[in-house]
Amino acid sequence: MDQLERIKTMEQHLDRASQAVMQLSAALDNYAAARQAIQELSAYYGSDEWKHDYADDEAGRLPQSLKRGVLSEDGIWNLLTDSRELNARLLSIVDDYSKQEKP
């Protein structure tokens, strides 16, 4: 690769990597802000309160217009599973990155 091609290629790498870093940083900020909500959902799911809310929904005591995805048996479970998998993926990426760092 000649000098001009190398510089153009490296410039493309810089543009792509800069955009990816900015997008990931924003996504991580958003995810970090949602951690409290995830913890509260985790505590709610399967609790006596959730069971009571679920039973009332099944008995038709809740308004039909009420959004109640939290009462589905899969909604919170899927979110918590996805969150755990994302955390494991983040740890793996950090671990791989730290092994590749030069001293």
N, C-alpha and C. Protein backbone atom coordinates (compact mmCIF):
# COMPACT_ATOMS: atom_id res chain seq x y z
N MET A 1 0.86 -1.17 0.00
CA MET A 1 0.00 0.00 0.00
C MET A 1 0.90 1.23 0.00
N ASP A 2 0.60 2.12 -0.91
CA ASP A 2 1.43 3.32 -0.95
C ASP A 2 0.98 4.32 0.12
N GLN A 3 1.72 5.36 0.27
CA GLN A 3 1.50 6.33 1.35
C GLN A 3 0.10 6.94 1.30
N LEU A 4 -0.35 7.38 0.15
CA LEU A 4 -1.66 8.01 0.05
C LEU A 4 -2.79 7.03 0.38
N GLU A 5 -2.67 5.81 -0.12
CA GLU A 5 -3.66 4.78 0.20
C GLU A 5 -3.68 4.49 1.70
N ARG A 6 -2.50 4.41 2.29
CA ARG A 6 -2.40 4.14 3.72
C ARG A 6 -3.08 5.24 4.53
N ILE A 7 -2.80 6.49 4.18
CA ILE A 7 -3.40 7.62 4.91
C ILE A 7 -4.91 7.63 4.73
N LYS A 8 -5.40 7.37 3.52
CA LYS A 8 -6.84 7.32 3.28
C LYS A 8 -7.50 6.19 4.08
N THR A 9 -6.85 5.04 4.09
CA THR A 9 -7.37 3.90 4.84
C THR A 9 -7.40 4.20 6.35
N MET A 10 -6.32 4.77 6.84
CA MET A 10 -6.27 5.10 8.27
C MET A 10 -7.29 6.17 8.64
N GLU A 11 -7.53 7.10 7.71
CA GLU A 11 -8.54 8.14 7.94
C GLU A 11 -9.93 7.50 8.02
N GLN A 12 -10.20 6.53 7.17
CA GLN A 12 -11.47 5.81 7.23
C GLN A 12 -11.61 5.06 8.56
N HIS A 13 -10.52 4.44 9.00
CA HIS A 13 -10.53 3.75 10.30
C HIS A 13 -10.82 4.74 11.43
N LEU A 14 -10.19 5.91 11.37
CA LEU A 14 -10.40 6.93 12.39
C LEU A 14 -11.85 7.39 12.42
N ASP A 15 -12.42 7.65 11.25
CA ASP A 15 -13.82 8.09 11.17
C ASP A 15 -14.76 7.03 11.73
N ARG A 16 -14.56 5.78 11.30
CA ARG A 16 -15.44 4.68 11.75
C ARG A 16 -15.31 4.46 13.25
N ALA A 17 -14.08 4.41 13.73
CA ALA A 17 -13.86 4.15 15.16
C ALA A 17 -14.37 5.31 16.01
N SER A 18 -14.17 6.55 15.57
CA SER A 18 -14.66 7.71 16.33
C SER A 18 -16.17 7.67 16.46
N GLN A 19 -16.85 7.36 15.37
CA GLN A 19 -18.30 7.28 15.41
C GLN A 19 -18.76 6.15 16.33
N ALA A 20 -18.12 5.00 16.25
CA ALA A 20 -18.48 3.86 17.09
C ALA A 20 -18.27 4.17 18.57
N VAL A 21 -17.16 4.83 18.90
CA VAL A 21 -16.87 5.18 20.29
C VAL A 21 -17.91 6.15 20.82
N MET A 22 -18.28 7.14 20.04
CA MET A 22 -19.28 8.12 20.49
C MET A 22 -20.64 7.46 20.68
N GLN A 23 -21.03 6.57 19.76
CA GLN A 23 -22.31 5.89 19.86
C GLN A 23 -22.34 4.95 21.07
N LEU A 24 -21.24 4.22 21.28
CA LEU A 24 -21.18 3.31 22.42
C LEU A 24 -21.19 4.08 23.73
N SER A 25 -20.49 5.19 23.78
CA SER A 25 -20.47 6.01 24.98
C SER A 25 -21.88 6.49 25.33
N ALA A 26 -22.62 6.95 24.35
CA ALA A 26 -23.99 7.41 24.58
C ALA A 26 -24.88 6.25 25.03
N ALA A 27 -24.72 5.09 24.39
CA ALA A 27 -25.51 3.92 24.77
C ALA A 27 -25.19 3.46 26.19
N LEU A 28 -23.91 3.50 26.56
CA LEU A 28 -23.53 3.11 27.91
C LEU A 28 -24.06 4.09 28.95
N ASP A 29 -24.07 5.38 28.62
CA ASP A 29 -24.66 6.37 29.52
C ASP A 29 -26.14 6.06 29.74
N ASN A 30 -26.84 5.75 28.67
CA ASN A 30 -28.26 5.42 28.74
C ASN A 30 -28.48 4.15 29.56
N TYR A 31 -27.66 3.14 29.34
CA TYR A 31 -27.78 1.87 30.05
C TYR A 31 -27.48 2.07 31.54
N ALA A 32 -26.46 2.83 31.84
CA ALA A 32 -26.11 3.10 33.25
C ALA A 32 -27.26 3.82 33.95
N ALA A 33 -27.90 4.73 33.25
CA ALA A 33 -29.03 5.46 33.83
C ALA A 33 -30.22 4.53 34.07
N ALA A 34 -30.34 3.47 33.30
CA ALA A 34 -31.45 2.54 33.43
C ALA A 34 -31.20 1.45 34.47
N ARG A 35 -30.01 1.37 35.00
CA ARG A 35 -29.67 0.29 35.95
C ARG A 35 -30.59 0.28 37.17
N GLN A 36 -30.94 1.43 37.70
CA GLN A 36 -31.85 1.50 38.85
C GLN A 36 -33.21 0.90 38.48
N ALA A 37 -33.70 1.23 37.30
CA ALA A 37 -34.98 0.69 36.84
C ALA A 37 -34.90 -0.83 36.71
N ILE A 38 -33.79 -1.33 36.19
CA ILE A 38 -33.62 -2.78 36.04
C ILE A 38 -33.60 -3.45 37.41
N GLN A 39 -32.94 -2.85 38.38
CA GLN A 39 -32.90 -3.42 39.73
C GLN A 39 -34.29 -3.43 40.36
N GLU A 40 -35.04 -2.36 40.16
CA GLU A 40 -36.40 -2.32 40.70
C GLU A 40 -37.30 -3.35 40.04
N LEU A 41 -37.17 -3.51 38.72
CA LEU A 41 -37.95 -4.54 38.02
C LEU A 41 -37.58 -5.93 38.51
N SER A 42 -36.30 -6.15 38.76
CA SER A 42 -35.84 -7.44 39.26
C SER A 42 -36.46 -7.76 40.62
N ALA A 43 -36.52 -6.77 41.49
CA ALA A 43 -37.10 -6.96 42.82
C ALA A 43 -38.62 -7.17 42.72
N TYR A 44 -39.27 -6.49 41.79
CA TYR A 44 -40.72 -6.58 41.62
C TYR A 44 -41.15 -7.93 41.06
N TYR A 45 -40.40 -8.42 40.07
CA TYR A 45 -40.79 -9.64 39.36
C TYR A 45 -40.80 -10.83 40.32
N GLY A 46 -41.92 -11.48 40.43
CA GLY A 46 -42.05 -12.65 41.30
C GLY A 46 -42.35 -12.31 42.75
N SER A 47 -42.37 -11.00 43.08
CA SER A 47 -42.66 -10.60 44.46
C SER A 47 -44.15 -10.79 44.74
N ASP A 48 -44.52 -10.66 46.02
CA ASP A 48 -45.93 -10.75 46.39
C ASP A 48 -46.74 -9.65 45.69
N GLU A 49 -46.15 -8.46 45.55
CA GLU A 49 -46.84 -7.38 44.85
C GLU A 49 -47.10 -7.74 43.40
N TRP A 50 -46.09 -8.30 42.74
CA TRP A 50 -46.26 -8.70 41.34
C TRP A 50 -47.33 -9.77 41.23
N LYS A 51 -47.29 -10.75 42.12
CA LYS A 51 -48.29 -11.82 42.09
C LYS A 51 -49.70 -11.27 42.28
N HIS A 52 -49.85 -10.32 43.20
CA HIS A 52 -51.14 -9.68 43.43
C HIS A 52 -51.59 -8.92 42.19
N ASP A 53 -50.69 -8.13 41.61
CA ASP A 53 -51.00 -7.36 40.40
C ASP A 53 -51.38 -8.29 39.25
N TYR A 54 -50.65 -9.39 39.13
CA TYR A 54 -50.90 -10.38 38.08
C TYR A 54 -52.28 -11.00 38.26
N ALA A 55 -52.60 -11.38 39.50
CA ALA A 55 -53.90 -11.99 39.79
C ALA A 55 -55.04 -11.02 39.49
N ASP A 56 -54.86 -9.75 39.86
CA ASP A 56 -55.89 -8.75 39.57
C ASP A 56 -56.06 -8.57 38.07
N ASP A 57 -54.97 -8.62 37.33
CA ASP A 57 -55.05 -8.51 35.88
C ASP A 57 -55.80 -9.71 35.31
N GLU A 58 -55.47 -10.90 35.75
CA GLU A 58 -56.12 -12.12 35.27
C GLU A 58 -57.62 -12.11 35.60
N ALA A 59 -57.98 -11.51 36.72
CA ALA A 59 -59.38 -11.45 37.15
C ALA A 59 -60.14 -10.30 36.48
N GLY A 60 -59.44 -9.51 35.67
CA GLY A 60 -60.09 -8.42 34.96
C GLY A 60 -60.36 -7.19 35.82
N ARG A 61 -59.64 -7.05 36.92
CA ARG A 61 -59.86 -5.92 37.82
C ARG A 61 -59.05 -4.67 37.44
N LEU A 62 -58.21 -4.78 36.44
CA LEU A 62 -57.41 -3.62 36.01
C LEU A 62 -58.04 -3.02 34.76
N PRO A 63 -57.90 -1.70 34.60
CA PRO A 63 -58.48 -1.05 33.41
C PRO A 63 -57.87 -1.61 32.12
N GLN A 64 -58.71 -1.81 31.12
CA GLN A 64 -58.24 -2.33 29.84
C GLN A 64 -57.22 -1.40 29.19
N SER A 65 -57.32 -0.10 29.48
CA SER A 65 -56.42 0.87 28.86
C SER A 65 -55.03 0.91 29.52
N LEU A 66 -54.88 0.22 30.66
CA LEU A 66 -53.60 0.23 31.39
C LEU A 66 -52.55 -0.60 30.67
N LYS A 67 -51.44 0.01 30.36
CA LYS A 67 -50.32 -0.73 29.79
C LYS A 67 -49.75 -1.61 30.89
N ARG A 68 -49.62 -2.91 30.63
CA ARG A 68 -49.20 -3.81 31.70
C ARG A 68 -48.29 -4.94 31.21
N GLY A 69 -47.34 -4.55 30.39
CA GLY A 69 -46.35 -5.53 29.93
C GLY A 69 -45.55 -6.12 31.07
N VAL A 70 -45.45 -5.39 32.18
CA VAL A 70 -44.71 -5.91 33.34
C VAL A 70 -45.41 -7.10 33.97
N LEU A 71 -46.67 -7.32 33.61
CA LEU A 71 -47.40 -8.44 34.18
C LEU A 71 -47.36 -9.67 33.29
N SER A 72 -46.75 -9.53 32.12
CA SER A 72 -46.58 -10.72 31.29
C SER A 72 -45.51 -11.58 31.96
N GLU A 73 -45.58 -12.85 31.75
CA GLU A 73 -44.60 -13.71 32.41
C GLU A 73 -43.25 -13.66 31.72
N ASP A 74 -43.20 -13.13 30.52
CA ASP A 74 -41.94 -13.09 29.77
C ASP A 74 -41.29 -11.71 29.71
N GLY A 75 -42.06 -10.65 29.84
CA GLY A 75 -41.54 -9.30 29.65
C GLY A 75 -40.34 -8.97 30.52
N ILE A 76 -40.51 -9.01 31.82
CA ILE A 76 -39.41 -8.69 32.73
C ILE A 76 -38.33 -9.76 32.66
N TRP A 77 -38.73 -11.03 32.59
CA TRP A 77 -37.76 -12.14 32.52
C TRP A 77 -36.82 -11.93 31.33
N ASN A 78 -37.38 -11.62 30.18
CA ASN A 78 -36.55 -11.41 28.98
C ASN A 78 -35.61 -10.22 29.16
N LEU A 79 -36.12 -9.13 29.73
CA LEU A 79 -35.27 -7.97 29.96
C LEU A 79 -34.12 -8.31 30.90
N LEU A 80 -34.42 -9.00 31.99
CA LEU A 80 -33.37 -9.34 32.97
C LEU A 80 -32.34 -10.29 32.35
N THR A 81 -32.81 -11.23 31.55
CA THR A 81 -31.89 -12.14 30.86
C THR A 81 -31.02 -11.37 29.88
N ASP A 82 -31.62 -10.50 29.10
CA ASP A 82 -30.86 -9.69 28.14
C ASP A 82 -29.84 -8.81 28.87
N SER A 83 -30.22 -8.26 30.00
CA SER A 83 -29.32 -7.41 30.77
C SER A 83 -28.12 -8.21 31.29
N ARG A 84 -28.39 -9.40 31.82
CA ARG A 84 -27.29 -10.25 32.31
C ARG A 84 -26.34 -10.62 31.16
N GLU A 85 -26.92 -10.97 30.02
CA GLU A 85 -26.09 -11.33 28.86
C GLU A 85 -25.27 -10.14 28.37
N LEU A 86 -25.86 -8.96 28.39
CA LEU A 86 -25.14 -7.75 28.00
C LEU A 86 -23.99 -7.47 28.97
N ASN A 87 -24.25 -7.62 30.26
CA ASN A 87 -23.20 -7.41 31.26
C ASN A 87 -22.04 -8.39 31.04
N ALA A 88 -22.37 -9.65 30.77
CA ALA A 88 -21.32 -10.65 30.51
C ALA A 88 -20.55 -10.30 29.25
N ARG A 89 -21.26 -9.83 28.25
CA ARG A 89 -20.60 -9.43 26.98
C ARG A 89 -19.66 -8.25 27.21
N LEU A 90 -20.12 -7.27 27.98
CA LEU A 90 -19.27 -6.11 28.29
C LEU A 90 -18.01 -6.54 29.03
N LEU A 91 -18.17 -7.42 30.01
CA LEU A 91 -17.00 -7.91 30.76
C LEU A 91 -16.04 -8.66 29.85
N SER A 92 -16.58 -9.45 28.94
CA SER A 92 -15.73 -10.20 28.02
C SER A 92 -14.96 -9.26 27.09
N ILE A 93 -15.63 -8.23 26.61
CA ILE A 93 -14.97 -7.25 25.73
C ILE A 93 -13.85 -6.54 26.48
N VAL A 94 -14.13 -6.12 27.70
CA VAL A 94 -13.11 -5.44 28.51
C VAL A 94 -11.94 -6.38 28.79
N ASP A 95 -12.25 -7.64 29.11
CA ASP A 95 -11.20 -8.62 29.38
C ASP A 95 -10.33 -8.85 28.14
N ASP A 96 -10.98 -9.03 26.98
CA ASP A 96 -10.23 -9.22 25.74
C ASP A 96 -9.37 -8.00 25.43
N TYR A 97 -9.93 -6.82 25.63
CA TYR A 97 -9.21 -5.58 25.36
C TYR A 97 -7.99 -5.45 26.28
N SER A 98 -8.17 -5.77 27.55
CA SER A 98 -7.06 -5.62 28.49
C SER A 98 -5.94 -6.62 28.17
N LYS A 99 -6.27 -7.76 27.61
CA LYS A 99 -5.24 -8.74 27.23
C LYS A 99 -4.47 -8.27 26.00
N GLN A 100 -5.10 -7.44 25.17
CA GLN A 100 -4.45 -6.97 23.94
C GLN A 100 -3.65 -5.69 24.15
N GLU A 101 -3.87 -5.02 25.27
CA GLU A 101 -3.14 -3.76 25.50
C GLU A 101 -1.65 -4.00 25.55
N LYS A 102 -0.95 -3.07 24.98
CA LYS A 102 0.51 -3.14 25.01
C LYS A 102 1.00 -2.47 26.29
N PRO A 103 2.06 -3.00 26.88
CA PRO A 103 2.58 -2.41 28.13
C PRO A 103 3.10 -1.01 27.94
